[in-house]
Amino acid sequence: MRVSYLRAAILALGLCGALTGCGKSFSARTTPRGSVPASVPSRGGAVSIDTTNTTRLGGATPIIDAAAVAIAAYPGLTPATRPRAAVLVDDGDWPGALAASVLTGAPLHAPLLYSEGATLPEASNLALRAMGPRGTGALGAKTSDTANRTQVIGIGQTATPPGYVTRLLTGNEPAALAVTIERLSSTLRGHAPHQVIVTAANGPPAMTMPAAGLSAQTGAPILFVSRASIPRATAAELTRLGRTAIYIVGPSAVVSKAVARELMRFGSVTRIAGATPASNAIAVARFSDGSFGWGVVEPGHGLVFANSSRPLDAPAAAPLSASGDYGPLLLLEGPDELSGELSSYLSDLQPGSPPSGPVHGVYNHGWLIGDEDAISARTQAQLDSVLGISSRPAVEPTVASPTTPSSESTPSAEP
C-alpha cells in the first residue's frame, strides 16, 4: 500500500508539469504545476530534466518543493526510509518554518511539510502517506505504547492531519515559538545546546534563509532577535542556557551591531555575513569554527540551490543539509541569474581530474529546488557544467588498494 502512495505522490507532484498552461489560468494553490525528472516541455519550449550532476526537486510552490524533498529523503519503502516523525508548518509562518529546521537534522531527522492554515494540501497529505512516519516516544508518549507515539510535530497555528498522532508546539510570538522548538530539540538531544544560531525574525527572509540548512546540519537551534532589539523570550532563554557560542547569520542590516554587542552578555558572538543574499549564503557555506559549520572550500560536496525570492524553500530543503551528501544552501537571485560571486565560488569548488583518470577524482552534486520559474533550465545546464569534473590536473588522493588474489590461488603448504 505504501508503494501505491509513493507513486501517487510522485504523480501528483509531476502531473501539472505536463499540462499546457497549468498554473497560468488557475491558482497555484489549487492546481500547482510540478516538475519531474523527465523531458517535460514547459513554457518557452524549455525542458526540465535531471542532469549528470544535478537533480531537480519540487515544482511551482514551496508546498510541492517540501513534499518532493521529503519523499526523496524518506521514500518510506523500507523501515529505514520511514522517518520517525514529520514536521508540519503553516506556509504563512516564515519564522516558524525557519526555527523548525533544526528538527530536520539529527537526532530526529523529521522532514518538513507545509499546510495552508488549517488545511492540509494534497501534496503534503500524499507525502505523509508515502513516508508513513513510524512515530516516536521521545516526545513525551510512552515508547511501549505504539498507538500514541508522535508522528507529526505541528508548529504554531497549523493543520492537524487526521489519522496521525500530532504534538503541537506553540508560542505567542516568533521568539517564544523558537524557544519552544529549541527546548524540544534539547530534550531530543539529551542536553542543552552548545551553540545557537541567531537571526532576525523580521529581517529580509532572503538574508536569513541560509540559517535553515546550517541549523539542520549542526543541530544548533535558531533563536530570534529583531534588527534593533532582543526579545524578552530570547534574552531569558540565553540567560538560562548560560554562556554559549552564538552565531549571527546575516549582516548588520539584518542584526544591528548594537544587538550583536548586547548578545555578548550571553556568550561568545560570531557573525557570518555577506552583503547580498548570494554572498551571504556563500559565507555560511564557507564558514567553520572547529566542528561547527560546513567549511566547504574544496571539491567533493553536495550543494543545494534555491531562489532567494522563495524563502520557504530553505526550510523545505533543510533535510538535504542533514542527510545524504549534506549540502549547504546556495542562493540564486533570479531564475536566470548565476551571480559573479556564486560563479566564482563554484569555480573554486570544481573538481579536476587526477593523473590516473576521473574515476579516482572527487565529485560535486547539486540539488535544485523548484521549477523553472525558480531556476531555469539554462541555469541548470550552467550549474551542471561547473559542478562536473574538469580536465584540469588535480592532485590524486593517496588510497591504499587491497591486494587482489589471482584467479587460481596457490594452496598453502601442509603443516
Protein backbone atom coordinates (compact mmCIF):
# COMPACT_ATOMS: atom_id res chain seq x y z
CA MET A 1 0.00 0.00 0.00
CA ARG A 2 2.83 2.42 0.82
CA VAL A 3 4.32 1.87 -2.67
CA SER A 4 0.99 2.99 -4.14
CA TYR A 5 1.04 6.15 -2.02
CA LEU A 6 4.60 6.88 -3.14
CA ARG A 7 3.65 6.50 -6.79
CA ALA A 8 0.57 8.65 -6.28
CA ALA A 9 2.63 11.34 -4.58
CA ILE A 10 5.23 11.42 -7.34
CA LEU A 11 2.50 11.51 -9.97
CA ALA A 12 0.66 14.32 -8.19
CA LEU A 13 3.83 16.39 -7.87
CA GLY A 14 4.62 15.98 -11.55
CA LEU A 15 1.27 15.79 -13.31
CA CYS A 16 0.66 19.51 -13.78
CA GLY A 17 4.06 19.88 -15.43
CA ALA A 18 2.70 18.03 -18.44
CA LEU A 19 -0.44 20.16 -18.70
CA THR A 20 -0.28 23.13 -21.04
CA GLY A 21 -0.89 26.39 -19.19
CA CYS A 22 -1.19 24.77 -15.79
CA GLY A 23 -0.52 27.41 -13.12
CA LYS A 24 -1.25 30.22 -15.58
CA SER A 25 -5.03 30.50 -15.60
CA PHE A 26 -5.61 28.69 -12.31
CA SER A 27 -4.48 29.38 -8.77
CA ALA A 28 -1.13 27.80 -7.95
CA ARG A 29 -2.59 26.80 -4.59
CA THR A 30 -5.27 24.60 -6.17
CA THR A 31 -3.58 23.44 -9.37
CA PRO A 32 0.18 23.51 -8.77
CA ARG A 33 2.50 22.90 -11.69
CA GLY A 34 5.12 20.40 -10.60
CA SER A 35 8.46 19.34 -12.01
CA VAL A 36 9.51 15.75 -12.57
CA PRO A 37 12.77 14.15 -13.70
CA ALA A 38 11.57 13.65 -17.25
CA SER A 39 11.65 15.58 -20.53
CA VAL A 40 8.56 17.68 -19.94
CA PRO A 41 8.17 20.66 -22.30
CA SER A 42 7.41 23.82 -20.38
CA ARG A 43 6.97 27.48 -21.18
CA GLY A 44 9.20 28.78 -23.96
CA GLY A 45 10.00 25.25 -25.14
CA ALA A 46 12.48 24.65 -22.31
CA VAL A 47 12.83 21.22 -20.83
CA SER A 48 13.12 20.34 -17.14
CA ILE A 49 15.38 17.34 -16.67
CA ASP A 50 17.80 15.82 -14.22
CA THR A 51 21.39 16.03 -15.45
CA THR A 52 24.59 14.18 -14.69
CA ASN A 53 25.49 16.48 -11.82
CA THR A 54 22.12 17.99 -10.83
CA THR A 55 18.79 16.75 -9.51
CA ARG A 56 15.70 18.96 -9.57
CA LEU A 57 13.12 18.53 -6.80
CA GLY A 58 9.77 20.28 -6.48
CA GLY A 59 7.57 22.48 -8.57
CA ALA A 60 5.70 25.77 -8.57
CA THR A 61 5.22 26.25 -4.82
CA PRO A 62 7.15 25.63 -1.60
CA ILE A 63 4.39 23.19 -0.61
CA ILE A 64 5.30 20.98 -3.57
CA ASP A 65 9.02 21.55 -3.03
CA ALA A 66 8.81 20.40 0.60
CA ALA A 67 6.82 17.31 -0.35
CA ALA A 68 9.30 16.41 -3.10
CA VAL A 69 12.31 16.81 -0.79
CA ALA A 70 10.58 14.78 1.92
CA ILE A 71 9.85 11.88 -0.44
CA ALA A 72 13.37 11.98 -1.88
CA ALA A 73 14.88 11.80 1.60
CA TYR A 74 12.34 9.39 3.09
CA PRO A 75 10.56 7.34 0.39
CA GLY A 76 9.07 5.04 3.02
CA LEU A 77 9.69 1.83 1.08
CA THR A 78 11.68 0.15 3.87
CA PRO A 79 11.68 0.60 7.65
CA ALA A 80 14.97 2.50 7.38
CA THR A 81 13.48 5.01 4.90
CA ARG A 82 10.44 5.83 7.03
CA PRO A 83 11.02 8.86 9.29
CA ARG A 84 10.12 8.72 12.94
CA ALA A 85 8.08 11.92 12.58
CA ALA A 86 7.35 14.76 10.17
CA VAL A 87 7.17 18.49 10.88
CA LEU A 88 4.15 20.47 9.66
CA VAL A 89 4.22 24.28 9.43
CA ASP A 90 1.75 26.81 8.04
CA ASP A 91 3.13 28.23 4.79
CA GLY A 92 2.32 31.72 6.10
CA ASP A 93 4.61 31.31 9.10
CA TRP A 94 8.12 32.06 7.85
CA PRO A 95 9.78 32.39 11.29
CA GLY A 96 8.15 29.17 12.50
CA ALA A 97 9.36 27.26 9.45
CA LEU A 98 12.88 28.65 9.81
CA ALA A 99 13.12 27.76 13.52
CA ALA A 100 11.70 24.27 12.85
CA SER A 101 14.61 23.48 10.50
CA VAL A 102 16.63 22.17 13.45
CA LEU A 103 14.18 19.25 13.75
CA THR A 104 15.06 18.06 10.22
CA GLY A 105 18.56 17.16 11.43
CA ALA A 106 19.91 14.73 13.99
CA PRO A 107 18.70 13.12 16.12
CA LEU A 108 15.08 13.26 14.91
CA HIS A 109 15.60 13.71 11.14
CA ALA A 110 11.99 14.80 10.59
CA PRO A 111 11.20 16.10 7.07
CA LEU A 112 9.29 19.38 6.89
CA LEU A 113 5.94 19.81 5.12
CA TYR A 114 3.64 22.81 4.72
CA SER A 115 -0.03 23.35 5.47
CA GLU A 116 -2.23 26.17 4.25
CA GLY A 117 -3.51 27.37 7.59
CA ALA A 118 -5.81 24.66 8.93
CA THR A 119 -5.90 22.90 5.54
CA LEU A 120 -3.54 20.08 4.59
CA PRO A 121 -2.67 20.39 0.87
CA GLU A 122 -2.86 17.24 -1.21
CA ALA A 123 0.89 17.23 -1.88
CA SER A 124 1.64 17.27 1.84
CA ASN A 125 -1.03 14.64 2.52
CA LEU A 126 0.36 12.29 -0.12
CA ALA A 127 3.91 12.80 1.12
CA LEU A 128 2.83 11.91 4.65
CA ARG A 129 1.13 8.76 3.43
CA ALA A 130 4.08 7.75 1.27
CA MET A 131 6.60 8.25 4.08
CA GLY A 132 4.45 6.61 6.77
CA PRO A 133 6.05 8.19 9.88
CA ARG A 134 6.69 5.41 12.40
CA GLY A 135 6.15 7.61 15.43
CA THR A 136 8.47 8.36 18.31
CA GLY A 137 8.10 8.13 22.04
CA ALA A 138 10.92 10.62 22.56
CA LEU A 139 8.43 13.49 22.52
CA GLY A 140 6.56 12.50 25.66
CA ALA A 141 4.46 9.40 24.95
CA LYS A 142 5.40 6.05 26.43
CA THR A 143 7.68 4.27 23.96
CA SER A 144 5.90 0.97 24.58
CA ASP A 145 2.56 2.45 23.52
CA THR A 146 2.97 2.47 19.76
CA ALA A 147 -0.54 3.83 19.20
CA ASN A 148 0.36 7.07 20.98
CA ARG A 149 3.79 7.74 19.51
CA THR A 150 4.06 11.19 17.96
CA GLN A 151 4.05 11.06 14.16
CA VAL A 152 3.61 14.76 13.31
CA ILE A 153 5.04 17.82 15.07
CA GLY A 154 2.81 20.80 14.35
CA ILE A 155 4.46 24.22 14.53
CA GLY A 156 2.28 27.14 15.58
CA GLN A 157 -1.15 27.50 14.00
CA THR A 158 -1.10 24.67 11.51
CA ALA A 159 -3.27 21.81 10.32
CA THR A 160 -3.78 18.71 12.44
CA PRO A 161 -3.85 15.88 9.90
CA PRO A 162 -6.45 13.19 10.70
CA GLY A 163 -5.11 9.72 11.37
CA TYR A 164 -1.79 10.88 12.82
CA VAL A 165 -0.73 11.45 16.41
CA THR A 166 0.23 15.14 16.42
CA ARG A 167 2.08 17.19 19.01
CA LEU A 168 1.66 20.95 18.68
CA LEU A 169 4.41 23.43 19.57
CA THR A 170 3.13 26.95 20.13
CA GLY A 171 4.31 30.40 21.14
CA ASN A 172 2.62 33.77 21.34
CA GLU A 173 5.20 35.38 19.02
CA PRO A 174 8.16 34.17 16.87
CA ALA A 175 10.82 34.44 19.59
CA ALA A 176 8.72 32.45 22.08
CA LEU A 177 7.90 29.79 19.47
CA ALA A 178 11.60 29.46 18.61
CA VAL A 179 12.38 28.90 22.30
CA THR A 180 9.74 26.15 22.46
CA ILE A 181 11.32 24.45 19.44
CA GLU A 182 14.80 24.85 20.93
CA ARG A 183 13.71 23.19 24.17
CA LEU A 184 12.21 20.24 22.29
CA SER A 185 15.46 19.92 20.34
CA SER A 186 17.39 19.92 23.61
CA THR A 187 15.12 17.21 25.01
CA LEU A 188 15.73 15.06 21.95
CA ARG A 189 19.50 15.52 22.22
CA GLY A 190 19.56 14.97 25.94
CA HIS A 191 21.43 18.20 26.69
CA ALA A 192 21.26 21.95 26.23
CA PRO A 193 22.80 23.31 23.02
CA HIS A 194 26.48 24.25 22.97
CA GLN A 195 25.86 26.61 20.05
CA VAL A 196 22.86 28.64 18.92
CA ILE A 197 22.14 30.46 15.69
CA VAL A 198 20.65 33.93 16.00
CA THR A 199 18.98 35.91 13.24
CA ALA A 200 16.18 38.43 12.86
CA ALA A 201 12.61 37.13 12.71
CA ASN A 202 11.58 40.34 10.93
CA GLY A 203 14.67 40.63 8.74
CA PRO A 204 14.75 40.20 4.95
CA PRO A 205 13.93 36.48 4.52
CA ALA A 206 16.45 36.10 1.68
CA MET A 207 19.23 37.04 4.09
CA THR A 208 18.12 34.62 6.78
CA MET A 209 17.44 31.60 4.52
CA PRO A 210 20.92 30.03 4.99
CA ALA A 211 20.23 29.62 8.72
CA ALA A 212 17.85 26.77 7.89
CA GLY A 213 20.43 24.42 6.41
CA LEU A 214 23.09 25.45 8.94
CA SER A 215 20.74 24.60 11.80
CA ALA A 216 19.82 21.25 10.26
CA GLN A 217 23.46 20.31 9.67
CA THR A 218 24.91 21.42 13.01
CA GLY A 219 21.94 20.77 15.30
CA ALA A 220 22.24 24.33 16.62
CA PRO A 221 18.74 25.75 17.25
CA ILE A 222 17.67 29.10 15.86
CA LEU A 223 16.67 31.88 18.27
CA PHE A 224 15.25 35.19 17.12
CA VAL A 225 16.08 38.82 17.69
CA SER A 226 14.91 41.86 15.76
CA ARG A 227 17.36 44.13 13.99
CA ALA A 228 17.32 46.63 16.84
CA SER A 229 16.47 44.65 19.98
CA ILE A 230 16.47 41.29 21.75
CA PRO A 231 13.00 39.98 22.60
CA ARG A 232 12.36 39.10 26.24
CA ALA A 233 11.84 35.40 25.43
CA THR A 234 15.20 35.16 23.65
CA ALA A 235 17.09 37.01 26.37
CA ALA A 236 15.57 34.82 29.08
CA GLU A 237 16.46 31.63 27.21
CA LEU A 238 20.04 32.72 26.53
CA THR A 239 20.39 33.53 30.23
CA ARG A 240 19.04 30.09 31.14
CA LEU A 241 21.44 28.36 28.75
CA GLY A 242 24.48 30.04 30.26
CA ARG A 243 27.39 31.26 28.20
CA THR A 244 27.07 29.55 24.84
CA ALA A 245 28.54 30.13 21.39
CA ILE A 246 26.27 32.46 19.42
CA TYR A 247 26.47 32.62 15.62
CA ILE A 248 24.66 35.51 13.94
CA VAL A 249 23.54 34.81 10.37
CA GLY A 250 23.27 37.98 8.33
CA PRO A 251 24.96 41.40 8.10
CA SER A 252 24.23 44.41 10.28
CA ALA A 253 21.29 45.25 8.02
CA VAL A 254 19.67 42.11 9.49
CA VAL A 255 21.03 42.15 13.06
CA SER A 256 22.50 45.51 14.07
CA LYS A 257 25.94 45.98 15.59
CA ALA A 258 24.27 47.21 18.78
CA VAL A 259 22.30 43.97 19.13
CA ALA A 260 25.46 41.95 18.41
CA ARG A 261 27.23 43.79 21.24
CA GLU A 262 24.30 43.17 23.56
CA LEU A 263 24.36 39.45 22.72
CA MET A 264 27.92 39.28 24.06
CA ARG A 265 26.41 39.36 27.56
CA PHE A 266 25.21 35.81 26.93
CA GLY A 267 28.27 34.23 25.32
CA SER A 268 30.82 34.49 22.52
CA VAL A 269 29.41 36.08 19.37
CA THR A 270 30.49 35.40 15.77
CA ARG A 271 28.83 36.97 12.76
CA ILE A 272 28.57 35.07 9.44
CA ALA A 273 27.55 37.52 6.75
CA GLY A 274 27.65 38.71 3.19
CA ALA A 275 26.27 41.88 1.60
CA THR A 276 23.82 40.15 -0.78
CA PRO A 277 21.66 37.01 -0.49
CA ALA A 278 24.08 35.12 -2.74
CA SER A 279 27.24 36.22 -0.91
CA ASN A 280 25.59 35.73 2.48
CA ALA A 281 24.79 32.11 1.62
CA ILE A 282 28.34 31.58 0.35
CA ALA A 283 29.71 32.97 3.61
CA VAL A 284 27.66 30.41 5.54
CA ALA A 285 28.81 27.59 3.25
CA ARG A 286 32.47 28.58 3.66
CA PHE A 287 32.31 29.13 7.41
CA SER A 288 33.65 26.73 10.02
CA ASP A 289 34.61 27.14 13.65
CA GLY A 290 36.11 23.93 14.91
CA SER A 291 33.45 21.28 14.38
CA PHE A 292 30.73 23.87 13.74
CA GLY A 293 29.75 24.66 10.16
CA TRP A 294 30.48 23.24 6.73
CA GLY A 295 33.79 24.80 5.76
CA VAL A 296 33.09 23.94 2.11
CA VAL A 297 36.14 25.36 0.35
CA GLU A 298 37.22 22.38 -1.76
CA PRO A 299 35.64 19.99 -4.29
CA GLY A 300 33.65 16.92 -3.39
CA HIS A 301 30.39 18.16 -1.85
CA GLY A 302 26.65 18.19 -2.18
CA LEU A 303 25.19 21.66 -2.74
CA VAL A 304 21.57 22.85 -2.53
CA PHE A 305 20.38 25.65 -4.84
CA ALA A 306 17.25 27.74 -4.32
CA ASN A 307 15.84 31.07 -5.47
CA SER A 308 16.15 33.84 -2.88
CA SER A 309 12.63 35.06 -3.73
CA ARG A 310 11.18 31.80 -2.35
CA PRO A 311 12.28 31.81 1.32
CA LEU A 312 10.09 28.86 2.34
CA ASP A 313 12.23 26.68 0.08
CA ALA A 314 15.06 26.94 2.63
CA PRO A 315 13.32 25.04 5.46
CA ALA A 316 11.78 22.74 2.84
CA ALA A 317 15.25 21.81 1.60
CA ALA A 318 16.80 21.54 5.09
CA PRO A 319 16.69 17.70 5.11
CA LEU A 320 19.20 17.78 2.23
CA SER A 321 21.59 19.64 4.53
CA ALA A 322 21.30 16.96 7.20
CA SER A 323 21.37 13.72 5.21
CA GLY A 324 22.75 12.24 2.00
CA ASP A 325 25.60 14.46 0.85
CA TYR A 326 24.90 17.18 3.48
CA GLY A 327 24.82 20.22 1.20
CA PRO A 328 24.86 23.88 2.27
CA LEU A 329 22.22 26.16 0.76
CA LEU A 330 23.33 28.48 -2.06
CA LEU A 331 21.08 31.19 -3.46
CA LEU A 332 20.25 32.49 -6.90
CA GLU A 333 18.74 35.96 -7.02
CA GLY A 334 16.68 35.17 -10.12
CA PRO A 335 15.90 32.11 -12.24
CA ASP A 336 18.48 33.12 -14.86
CA GLU A 337 20.94 34.86 -12.56
CA LEU A 338 24.10 32.99 -11.64
CA SER A 339 25.86 35.88 -9.89
CA GLY A 340 29.54 36.55 -10.33
CA GLU A 341 30.13 35.71 -6.67
CA LEU A 342 28.37 32.35 -6.99
CA SER A 343 30.09 31.54 -10.28
CA SER A 344 33.46 32.28 -8.74
CA TYR A 345 32.72 30.18 -5.66
CA LEU A 346 31.57 27.22 -7.75
CA SER A 347 34.68 27.52 -9.93
CA ASP A 348 36.77 27.21 -6.77
CA LEU A 349 34.88 24.02 -5.93
CA GLN A 350 35.03 22.45 -9.39
CA PRO A 351 36.98 19.20 -9.21
CA GLY A 352 39.85 18.41 -11.54
CA SER A 353 40.96 15.12 -13.00
CA PRO A 354 43.80 13.23 -11.24
CA PRO A 355 46.65 11.70 -13.31
CA SER A 356 45.14 8.22 -13.25
CA GLY A 357 41.80 9.48 -14.58
CA PRO A 358 38.49 10.89 -13.34
CA VAL A 359 37.40 7.62 -11.77
CA HIS A 360 39.76 8.48 -8.90
CA GLY A 361 38.52 12.07 -8.63
CA VAL A 362 36.03 13.69 -6.29
CA TYR A 363 32.61 14.90 -7.34
CA ASN A 364 30.05 17.60 -6.61
CA HIS A 365 26.29 17.20 -6.84
CA GLY A 366 23.64 19.91 -6.97
CA TRP A 367 20.07 19.71 -5.70
CA LEU A 368 17.87 22.30 -7.45
CA ILE A 369 14.72 23.30 -5.57
CA GLY A 370 11.63 24.32 -7.52
CA ASP A 371 10.51 24.56 -11.12
CA GLU A 372 11.90 26.69 -13.96
CA ASP A 373 10.29 29.81 -12.52
CA ALA A 374 12.70 29.35 -9.62
CA ILE A 375 15.77 28.05 -11.50
CA SER A 376 15.65 27.99 -15.28
CA ALA A 377 16.70 25.05 -17.44
CA ARG A 378 19.53 27.17 -18.87
CA THR A 379 20.83 27.91 -15.37
CA GLN A 380 20.56 24.21 -14.55
CA ALA A 381 22.75 23.45 -17.57
CA GLN A 382 25.29 26.04 -16.40
CA LEU A 383 25.34 24.51 -12.93
CA ASP A 384 25.76 21.03 -14.36
CA SER A 385 28.85 22.16 -16.26
CA VAL A 386 30.55 23.91 -13.35
CA LEU A 387 29.78 21.10 -10.90
CA GLY A 388 31.19 18.40 -13.15
CA ILE A 389 34.75 17.14 -13.05
CA SER A 390 37.03 19.17 -15.35
CA SER A 391 40.03 18.17 -17.43
CA ARG A 392 42.46 20.31 -15.48
CA PRO A 393 45.03 18.33 -13.45
CA ALA A 394 44.27 17.60 -9.83
CA VAL A 395 46.27 16.05 -7.04
CA GLU A 396 45.36 12.41 -6.68
CA PRO A 397 44.46 11.31 -3.15
CA THR A 398 46.51 8.51 -1.69
CA VAL A 399 44.35 5.40 -1.47
CA ALA A 400 45.58 2.03 -0.28
CA SER A 401 44.49 -0.60 -2.80
CA PRO A 402 43.66 -4.05 -1.46
CA THR A 403 45.65 -6.95 -2.83
CA THR A 404 43.62 -8.73 -5.48
CA PRO A 405 44.03 -12.50 -5.40
CA SER A 406 44.73 -14.30 -8.66
CA SER A 407 42.01 -16.44 -10.17
CA GLU A 408 43.99 -19.56 -9.26
CA SER A 409 45.49 -19.12 -5.83
CA THR A 410 48.37 -21.29 -4.70
CA PRO A 411 47.33 -23.55 -1.85
CA SER A 412 49.22 -23.10 1.38
CA ALA A 413 51.77 -25.72 2.32
CA GLU A 414 50.67 -28.57 4.52
CA PRO A 415 51.96 -28.24 8.11
